[in-house]
């Protein structure tokens, strides 16, 4: 018989076991916290935010490893690139060789509007006869030429062949002089002397330094020095159909002025002072005082011994020159000599376009290392900047850098500068 009044677990259940000695909670440990009672009906429990799962530890470490490998590879590539550049293996990619694109700009002054200048009446005497001629010159044309930059060239034919004054000024004036000469039945030689007499009667004015004038300026100013009157006379004779040239005389004394005159090829003329040029005989024509064709003033003859150092045809031609300053940079190399890159500005002062010109640059004594620029074309009256030459090997010792401007198979200008 079972005593049901005995306390203890229900039938079939083992008695609650006591924990073995030594397995209880450590001394001083907080007792476990029992969960609270469930929320009663009518009591709203707050929303439980979702809990993001922790990424697996293996995936996170793999990402870190990949990022580290990429950083190392990028560093190696940059380092190899710098080494290759400094060693000169990547010349085409060197930032020292990346120059700006060439830029062309006009050197002609801005055209201005204006009325005709007051009428100019010219009076002169030739062959014991008095002559008079009246003409008007457009003010805008005169202002245009006064604002024009003067070309740094010895060939003053560009002042004769400039086309802007042909129609309104020199052409009509030459036609009037030809008409007056024809009315008096002058032959070719007399017509040349008659035309020269018009210019010889203008006022001679000495200048300080060289500042050649265009024919329009000399006419409005009613005079000038020897190159001004020679340019005007040559322009008139050229417009009348004569084969004329400019003749330059350079003084043997550096501080003294030279001289300029005109040479004219006249069929059937013989005797007098003349000069051979390109297979033709040109007779001397003075324009500052009254002398006939073939006569040379005694002071010119004694000072220069009659020897000319420059004869210039009047045909339109390019006239290229360096302008501004030479700009350059030096790039050091880890292996080999430093490299120089340069750029310049070139101006075409002439009256015809220039084609296929280029630069040649080298250090003195190292012509075999000369570098060339690309070839360029340039219209008359324009200048081009950023004409560049790159990768010029620079010697270890101080040396002179030569920069040559080549056009038509010859050097037309050059620069030199010392680099160390």
Protein backbone atom coordinates (compact mmCIF):
# COMPACT_ATOMS: atom_id res chain seq x y z
CA UNK A 1 0.00 0.00 0.00
CA UNK A 2 1.29 3.29 -1.02
CA UNK A 3 1.32 6.26 1.22
CA UNK A 4 0.01 9.08 -1.03
CA UNK A 5 0.47 11.77 1.60
CA UNK A 6 4.24 11.71 1.15
CA UNK A 7 5.73 14.88 -0.47
CA UNK A 8 7.98 14.50 -3.47
CA UNK A 9 7.86 14.23 -7.18
CA UNK A 10 5.07 12.61 -8.94
CA UNK A 11 5.01 9.00 -9.70
CA UNK A 12 7.60 7.89 -12.22
CA UNK A 13 9.69 11.06 -11.82
CA UNK A 14 13.12 10.89 -10.28
CA UNK A 15 13.81 13.05 -7.36
CA UNK A 16 15.44 16.41 -8.05
CA UNK A 17 19.13 15.87 -8.08
CA UNK A 18 21.42 18.00 -6.04
CA UNK A 19 24.39 19.39 -7.90
CA UNK A 20 27.59 17.65 -7.19
CA UNK A 21 29.95 19.30 -4.87
CA UNK A 22 32.11 21.85 -6.60
CA UNK A 23 29.79 22.36 -9.60
CA UNK A 24 27.61 25.10 -8.18
CA UNK A 25 27.90 28.73 -9.19
CA UNK A 26 31.18 30.28 -8.23
CA UNK A 27 31.33 32.32 -5.13
CA UNK A 28 30.18 35.90 -5.61
CA UNK A 29 28.54 35.19 -9.00
CA UNK A 30 25.23 36.84 -9.80
CA UNK A 31 22.32 34.43 -9.66
CA UNK A 32 20.58 33.71 -12.93
CA UNK A 33 17.77 36.08 -13.78
CA UNK A 34 14.43 34.47 -14.40
CA UNK A 35 12.45 35.74 -17.35
CA UNK A 36 9.61 38.03 -16.38
CA UNK A 37 5.99 37.08 -16.74
CA UNK A 38 4.50 37.23 -20.20
CA UNK A 39 2.78 40.41 -21.17
CA UNK A 40 -0.81 40.35 -20.16
CA UNK A 41 -3.60 40.84 -22.62
CA UNK A 42 -4.19 44.45 -23.49
CA UNK A 43 -0.57 45.41 -22.94
CA UNK A 44 1.27 46.40 -26.15
CA UNK A 45 4.79 45.04 -26.49
CA UNK A 46 7.27 47.33 -28.46
CA UNK A 47 8.57 46.19 -31.88
CA UNK A 48 11.67 44.15 -31.77
CA UNK A 49 14.37 45.49 -34.23
CA UNK A 50 15.94 42.97 -36.54
CA UNK A 51 19.38 41.83 -35.60
CA UNK A 52 21.99 41.78 -38.45
CA UNK A 53 23.88 38.59 -38.56
CA UNK A 54 27.57 38.84 -37.88
CA UNK A 55 29.63 38.16 -41.06
CA UNK A 56 31.62 35.06 -40.98
CA UNK A 57 35.09 35.67 -39.68
CA UNK A 58 36.69 33.95 -42.72
CA UNK A 59 35.03 36.24 -45.32
CA UNK A 60 36.13 39.47 -43.59
CA UNK A 61 39.77 38.41 -43.41
CA UNK A 62 39.69 37.44 -47.11
CA UNK A 63 38.57 40.92 -48.07
CA UNK A 64 41.33 42.51 -46.05
CA UNK A 65 43.90 40.27 -47.72
CA UNK A 66 42.63 41.14 -51.22
CA UNK A 67 42.73 44.89 -50.47
CA UNK A 68 46.29 44.60 -49.23
CA UNK A 69 47.37 42.74 -52.35
CA UNK A 70 45.81 45.44 -54.59
CA UNK A 71 47.59 48.24 -52.68
CA UNK A 72 50.93 46.47 -53.00
CA UNK A 73 50.42 45.86 -56.73
CA UNK A 74 49.44 49.49 -57.30
CA UNK A 75 52.53 50.66 -55.44
CA UNK A 76 54.72 48.37 -57.53
CA UNK A 77 53.21 49.68 -60.77
CA UNK A 78 53.71 53.30 -59.74
CA UNK A 79 57.27 52.59 -58.71
CA UNK A 80 58.06 50.79 -61.95
CA UNK A 81 56.52 53.66 -63.91
CA UNK A 82 58.65 56.25 -62.11
CA UNK A 83 61.79 54.16 -62.66
CA UNK A 84 60.99 53.72 -66.37
CA UNK A 85 60.25 57.44 -66.78
CA UNK A 86 63.40 58.57 -64.98
CA UNK A 87 65.44 56.05 -66.95
CA UNK A 88 64.12 57.55 -70.19
CA UNK A 89 62.20 54.46 -71.29
CA UNK A 90 58.92 56.37 -71.53
CA UNK A 91 60.03 59.48 -73.44
CA UNK A 92 56.73 59.88 -75.21
CA UNK A 93 54.88 59.95 -71.90
CA UNK A 94 57.16 62.40 -70.12
CA UNK A 95 55.24 65.41 -68.80
CA UNK A 96 58.22 67.60 -69.76
CA UNK A 97 57.55 66.78 -73.41
CA UNK A 98 53.83 67.56 -73.34
CA UNK A 99 53.83 71.11 -74.72
CA UNK A 100 50.78 73.15 -75.50
CA UNK A 101 49.34 73.05 -78.99
CA UNK A 102 50.73 75.71 -81.39
CA UNK A 103 48.62 78.88 -81.57
CA UNK A 104 48.55 81.23 -84.57
CA UNK A 105 47.68 84.92 -84.20
CA UNK A 106 47.70 87.86 -86.61
CA UNK A 107 50.25 90.64 -86.19
CA UNK A 108 48.35 93.11 -88.36
CA UNK A 109 46.75 96.05 -86.55
CA UNK A 110 42.99 96.28 -86.23
CA UNK A 111 41.47 98.02 -89.22
CA UNK A 112 40.01 101.43 -88.45
CA UNK A 113 37.51 103.54 -90.31
CA UNK A 114 38.03 107.12 -91.34
CA UNK A 115 37.68 109.69 -94.06
CA UNK A 116 40.23 110.77 -96.61
CA UNK A 117 43.10 112.82 -95.31
CA UNK A 118 43.31 116.40 -96.60
CA UNK A 119 44.47 116.56 -100.22
CA UNK A 120 48.23 116.58 -100.63
CA UNK A 121 49.75 118.64 -103.45
CA UNK A 122 53.28 117.75 -104.51
CA UNK A 123 55.35 120.15 -106.59
CA UNK A 124 58.75 119.40 -108.08
CA UNK A 125 61.02 120.33 -110.95
CA UNK A 126 62.53 118.06 -113.61
CA UNK A 127 64.30 118.85 -116.88
CA UNK A 128 63.74 122.59 -116.34
CA UNK A 129 59.99 122.06 -116.05
CA UNK A 130 57.64 122.42 -113.09
CA UNK A 131 55.25 119.63 -112.19
CA UNK A 132 52.33 119.43 -109.80
CA UNK A 133 50.33 116.47 -108.59
CA UNK A 134 47.48 116.30 -106.06
CA UNK A 135 46.29 113.18 -104.29
CA UNK A 136 44.27 112.06 -101.27
CA UNK A 137 45.13 109.16 -99.00
CA UNK A 138 42.57 107.24 -96.88
CA UNK A 139 43.12 108.04 -93.22
CA UNK A 140 42.35 104.45 -92.22
CA UNK A 141 45.16 103.20 -94.47
CA UNK A 142 47.66 105.66 -93.03
CA UNK A 143 46.69 104.72 -89.46
CA UNK A 144 46.92 101.04 -90.36
CA UNK A 145 50.55 101.40 -91.45
CA UNK A 146 51.58 103.65 -88.55
CA UNK A 147 50.34 100.97 -86.14
CA UNK A 148 52.09 98.13 -87.95
CA UNK A 149 54.98 96.48 -86.06
CA UNK A 150 58.37 96.99 -87.71
CA UNK A 151 59.96 93.78 -88.84
CA UNK A 152 63.41 92.90 -87.40
CA UNK A 153 64.81 92.08 -90.85
CA UNK A 154 67.34 93.70 -93.17
CA UNK A 155 65.33 92.87 -96.26
CA UNK A 156 63.18 95.97 -96.63
CA UNK A 157 61.48 94.65 -99.76
CA UNK A 158 58.59 93.60 -97.50
CA UNK A 159 57.74 97.32 -97.17
CA UNK A 160 57.55 97.57 -100.96
CA UNK A 161 55.60 94.37 -101.65
CA UNK A 162 53.00 94.78 -98.91
CA UNK A 163 49.77 94.71 -100.93
CA UNK A 164 47.40 96.85 -98.89
CA UNK A 165 48.46 100.20 -100.38
CA UNK A 166 48.78 99.10 -104.02
CA UNK A 167 45.22 99.85 -105.06
CA UNK A 168 44.45 103.08 -103.23
CA UNK A 169 47.87 104.81 -103.23
CA UNK A 170 51.00 103.58 -105.04
CA UNK A 171 49.14 102.15 -108.02
CA UNK A 172 47.23 105.37 -108.88
CA UNK A 173 50.29 107.54 -108.16
CA UNK A 174 52.49 105.42 -110.44
CA UNK A 175 49.85 105.62 -113.18
CA UNK A 176 49.75 109.42 -112.92
CA UNK A 177 53.54 109.69 -113.13
CA UNK A 178 53.57 107.37 -116.16
CA UNK A 179 50.90 109.52 -117.79
CA UNK A 180 52.94 112.70 -117.28
CA UNK A 181 56.09 111.00 -118.62
CA UNK A 182 54.28 109.62 -121.66
CA UNK A 183 52.83 113.05 -122.45
CA UNK A 184 56.38 114.34 -122.80
CA UNK A 185 57.53 111.29 -124.76
CA UNK A 186 60.12 110.27 -122.23
CA UNK A 187 61.92 107.02 -122.99
CA UNK A 188 62.48 104.33 -120.36
CA UNK A 189 65.57 105.90 -118.86
CA UNK A 190 64.02 109.36 -118.73
CA UNK A 191 60.85 107.95 -117.19
CA UNK A 192 62.91 106.36 -114.41
CA UNK A 193 64.72 109.65 -113.77
CA UNK A 194 61.42 111.57 -113.88
CA UNK A 195 59.82 109.23 -111.33
CA UNK A 196 62.92 109.46 -109.14
CA UNK A 197 62.75 113.28 -109.27
CA UNK A 198 59.30 113.17 -107.65
CA UNK A 199 60.77 111.29 -104.68
CA UNK A 200 64.06 113.24 -104.61
CA UNK A 201 62.13 116.48 -104.05
CA UNK A 202 60.63 115.23 -100.77
CA UNK A 203 62.23 116.45 -97.54
CA UNK A 204 65.17 114.39 -96.30
CA UNK A 205 64.91 113.67 -92.57
CA UNK A 206 67.58 111.87 -90.58
CA UNK A 207 66.44 109.27 -88.05
CA UNK A 208 67.87 107.92 -84.84
CA UNK A 209 68.12 104.20 -85.37
CA UNK A 210 66.36 102.20 -88.04
CA UNK A 211 62.63 102.67 -88.49
CA UNK A 212 61.63 102.02 -92.11
CA UNK A 213 58.38 103.55 -93.33
CA UNK A 214 55.82 102.19 -95.73
CA UNK A 215 55.23 104.27 -98.91
CA UNK A 216 51.96 105.69 -97.53
CA UNK A 217 53.74 107.00 -94.43
CA UNK A 218 56.49 108.68 -96.46
CA UNK A 219 53.91 110.37 -98.69
CA UNK A 220 51.84 111.67 -95.78
CA UNK A 221 54.98 112.76 -93.92
CA UNK A 222 56.25 114.30 -97.18
CA UNK A 223 59.73 112.85 -96.64
CA UNK A 224 62.02 110.55 -94.70
CA UNK A 225 65.54 109.18 -94.67
CA UNK A 226 67.32 107.10 -97.32
CA UNK A 227 65.48 103.79 -96.75
CA UNK A 228 62.09 105.53 -96.67
CA UNK A 229 62.58 107.28 -100.01
CA UNK A 230 64.22 104.19 -101.56
CA UNK A 231 61.20 102.08 -100.54
CA UNK A 232 58.80 104.63 -102.03
CA UNK A 233 60.75 104.97 -105.32
CA UNK A 234 61.06 101.21 -105.67
CA UNK A 235 57.32 100.76 -105.06
CA UNK A 236 56.45 103.32 -107.75
CA UNK A 237 58.86 101.88 -110.33
CA UNK A 238 57.64 98.36 -109.58
CA UNK A 239 54.04 99.47 -110.10
CA UNK A 240 55.08 101.00 -113.45
CA UNK A 241 56.47 97.63 -114.57
CA UNK A 242 60.20 98.19 -114.05
CA UNK A 243 62.48 95.50 -112.69
CA UNK A 244 63.78 97.16 -109.54
CA UNK A 245 65.64 96.06 -106.41
CA UNK A 246 66.73 97.60 -103.12
CA UNK A 247 70.49 98.01 -102.55
CA UNK A 248 71.85 98.12 -99.00
CA UNK A 249 75.22 99.54 -97.88
CA UNK A 250 76.44 98.80 -94.36
CA UNK A 251 78.89 101.20 -92.76
CA UNK A 252 82.31 99.78 -91.87
CA UNK A 253 82.01 101.80 -88.64
CA UNK A 254 79.45 100.14 -86.35
CA UNK A 255 78.24 103.42 -84.84
CA UNK A 256 77.65 105.08 -88.22
CA UNK A 257 74.53 104.73 -90.34
CA UNK A 258 74.48 102.76 -93.55
CA UNK A 259 72.72 103.70 -96.76
CA UNK A 260 70.01 102.38 -99.08
CA UNK A 261 69.33 103.06 -102.74
CA UNK A 262 67.42 101.53 -105.65
CA UNK A 263 68.70 99.45 -108.54
CA UNK A 264 66.79 99.46 -111.85
CA UNK A 265 67.26 97.19 -114.85
CA UNK A 266 66.55 99.29 -117.94
CA UNK A 267 66.96 97.71 -121.41
CA UNK A 268 69.33 99.56 -123.71
CA UNK A 269 71.03 101.50 -120.91
CA UNK A 270 74.80 101.32 -120.62
CA UNK A 271 77.37 103.21 -118.59
CA UNK A 272 77.23 104.29 -114.97
CA UNK A 273 77.43 102.37 -111.72
CA UNK A 274 75.62 99.05 -111.76
CA UNK A 275 75.33 95.80 -109.78
CA UNK A 276 74.82 92.24 -110.95
CA UNK A 277 72.08 90.31 -109.23
CA UNK A 278 70.59 86.99 -110.27
CA UNK A 279 71.95 87.35 -113.80
CA UNK A 280 70.63 90.90 -114.34
CA UNK A 281 72.36 94.31 -114.37
CA UNK A 282 70.78 96.91 -112.07
CA UNK A 283 71.84 100.54 -112.34
CA UNK A 284 72.26 102.59 -109.20
CA UNK A 285 69.51 105.15 -108.49
CA UNK A 286 69.89 107.67 -105.64
CA UNK A 287 66.64 108.86 -103.99
CA UNK A 288 67.76 111.41 -101.37
CA UNK A 289 69.06 114.07 -103.77
CA UNK A 290 69.01 114.87 -107.47
CA UNK A 291 71.08 112.28 -109.33
CA UNK A 292 70.35 110.47 -112.57
CA UNK A 293 70.24 106.74 -113.11
CA UNK A 294 73.76 105.25 -112.89
CA UNK A 295 75.20 108.18 -110.93
CA UNK A 296 76.39 107.54 -107.39
CA UNK A 297 77.04 110.44 -104.94
CA UNK A 298 80.73 110.91 -104.10
CA UNK A 299 80.12 110.55 -100.33
CA UNK A 300 78.42 107.20 -100.83
CA UNK A 301 81.20 106.09 -103.14
CA UNK A 302 83.96 107.09 -100.72
CA UNK A 303 82.29 105.85 -97.54
CA UNK A 304 81.26 102.43 -98.83
CA UNK A 305 83.67 102.14 -101.75
CA UNK A 306 80.60 101.46 -103.86
CA UNK A 307 80.34 97.96 -102.40
CA UNK A 308 76.87 96.72 -101.49
CA UNK A 309 76.37 93.98 -98.93
CA UNK A 310 72.73 93.25 -99.73
CA UNK A 311 70.48 93.35 -102.82
CA UNK A 312 66.81 92.47 -102.39
CA UNK A 313 64.25 91.59 -105.04
CA UNK A 314 60.77 93.06 -104.67
CA UNK A 315 58.82 89.84 -105.13
CA UNK A 316 56.58 88.79 -102.20
CA UNK A 317 58.48 86.40 -99.93
CA UNK A 318 58.24 85.02 -96.39
CA UNK A 319 60.43 86.49 -93.65
CA UNK A 320 60.54 84.19 -90.61
CA UNK A 321 62.12 85.29 -87.35
CA UNK A 322 62.09 84.23 -83.72
CA UNK A 323 59.95 86.45 -81.48
CA UNK A 324 59.76 86.89 -77.74
CA UNK A 325 61.99 84.67 -75.63
CA UNK A 326 63.19 81.09 -75.58
CA UNK A 327 61.41 78.96 -72.95
CA UNK A 328 62.91 75.68 -71.83
CA UNK A 329 62.85 73.08 -69.06
CA UNK A 330 65.44 70.56 -67.89
CA UNK A 331 64.39 67.04 -66.87
CA UNK A 332 66.83 65.02 -64.77
CA UNK A 333 67.31 61.31 -65.40
CA UNK A 334 68.45 58.52 -63.08
CA UNK A 335 70.27 56.90 -65.95
CA UNK A 336 71.88 59.02 -68.68
CA UNK A 337 72.13 62.75 -69.36
CA UNK A 338 69.40 65.24 -68.42
CA UNK A 339 66.97 66.15 -71.21
CA UNK A 340 65.97 69.63 -72.37
CA UNK A 341 62.63 70.56 -73.91
CA UNK A 342 62.01 74.01 -75.37
CA UNK A 343 59.40 76.11 -77.11
CA UNK A 344 59.60 79.35 -79.12
CA UNK A 345 57.43 81.79 -81.04
CA UNK A 346 58.00 82.36 -84.77
CA UNK A 347 56.68 85.35 -86.75
CA UNK A 348 56.28 85.61 -90.52
CA UNK A 349 57.02 89.28 -91.21
CA UNK A 350 57.02 88.74 -94.96
CA UNK A 351 54.41 89.21 -97.66
CA UNK A 352 54.10 85.53 -98.65
CA UNK A 353 53.28 82.39 -96.70
CA UNK A 354 56.03 80.12 -95.35
CA UNK A 355 55.77 76.34 -95.64
CA UNK A 356 57.61 73.37 -94.13
CA UNK A 357 59.78 75.30 -91.69
CA UNK A 358 61.10 73.64 -88.55
CA UNK A 359 63.48 73.98 -85.60
CA UNK A 360 66.78 72.18 -85.10
CA UNK A 361 68.22 72.21 -81.57
CA UNK A 362 71.49 70.80 -80.23
CA UNK A 363 74.29 71.49 -77.76
CA UNK A 364 77.56 72.83 -79.08
CA UNK A 365 79.91 69.97 -79.85
CA UNK A 366 77.03 67.49 -79.87
CA UNK A 367 75.46 68.08 -83.29
CA UNK A 368 74.97 64.34 -83.67
CA UNK A 369 72.37 64.58 -80.90
CA UNK A 370 70.36 67.33 -82.66
CA UNK A 371 66.59 67.09 -82.36
CA UNK A 372 64.06 68.43 -84.87
CA UNK A 373 60.60 69.86 -84.38
CA UNK A 374 57.63 68.97 -86.58
CA UNK A 375 57.27 71.08 -89.75
CA UNK A 376 54.91 74.04 -89.82
CA UNK A 377 53.22 76.38 -92.32
CA UNK A 378 52.49 80.03 -91.54
CA UNK A 379 50.60 82.72 -93.45
CA UNK A 380 52.12 86.14 -94.03
CA UNK A 381 51.41 88.54 -91.20
CA UNK A 382 50.98 85.79 -88.60
CA UNK A 383 52.96 84.43 -85.67
CA UNK A 384 52.85 80.97 -84.15
CA UNK A 385 53.64 80.16 -80.51
CA UNK A 386 54.52 76.88 -78.78
CA UNK A 387 56.79 75.63 -81.57
CA UNK A 388 58.56 72.92 -79.60
CA UNK A 389 61.56 70.60 -79.60
CA UNK A 390 61.82 67.87 -76.96
CA UNK A 391 64.28 65.32 -75.58
CA UNK A 392 67.56 67.15 -76.30
CA UNK A 393 70.37 65.33 -74.46
CA UNK A 394 72.18 67.80 -72.18
CA UNK A 395 75.92 67.23 -71.58
CA UNK A 396 77.17 66.91 -68.03
CA UNK A 397 79.51 69.89 -68.47
CA UNK A 398 78.16 73.42 -69.10
CA UNK A 399 77.40 73.89 -72.80
CA UNK A 400 75.80 76.25 -75.29
CA UNK A 401 72.37 75.37 -76.63
CA UNK A 402 71.81 76.25 -80.30
CA UNK A 403 68.29 76.65 -81.71
CA UNK A 404 68.09 77.09 -85.50
CA UNK A 405 65.08 78.11 -87.59
CA UNK A 406 65.17 76.31 -90.95
CA UNK A 407 63.15 77.34 -94.00
CA UNK A 408 63.77 76.66 -97.67
CA UNK A 409 66.88 74.57 -96.97
CA UNK A 410 68.75 77.25 -95.00
CA UNK A 411 68.94 78.76 -91.53
CA UNK A 412 66.95 82.01 -91.44
CA UNK A 413 67.35 82.75 -87.72
CA UNK A 414 69.08 81.25 -84.69
CA UNK A 415 69.32 81.57 -80.94
CA UNK A 416 72.03 80.51 -78.51
CA UNK A 417 71.98 80.30 -74.72
CA UNK A 418 74.39 78.88 -72.16
CA UNK A 419 73.09 76.11 -69.88
CA UNK A 420 74.83 74.47 -66.96
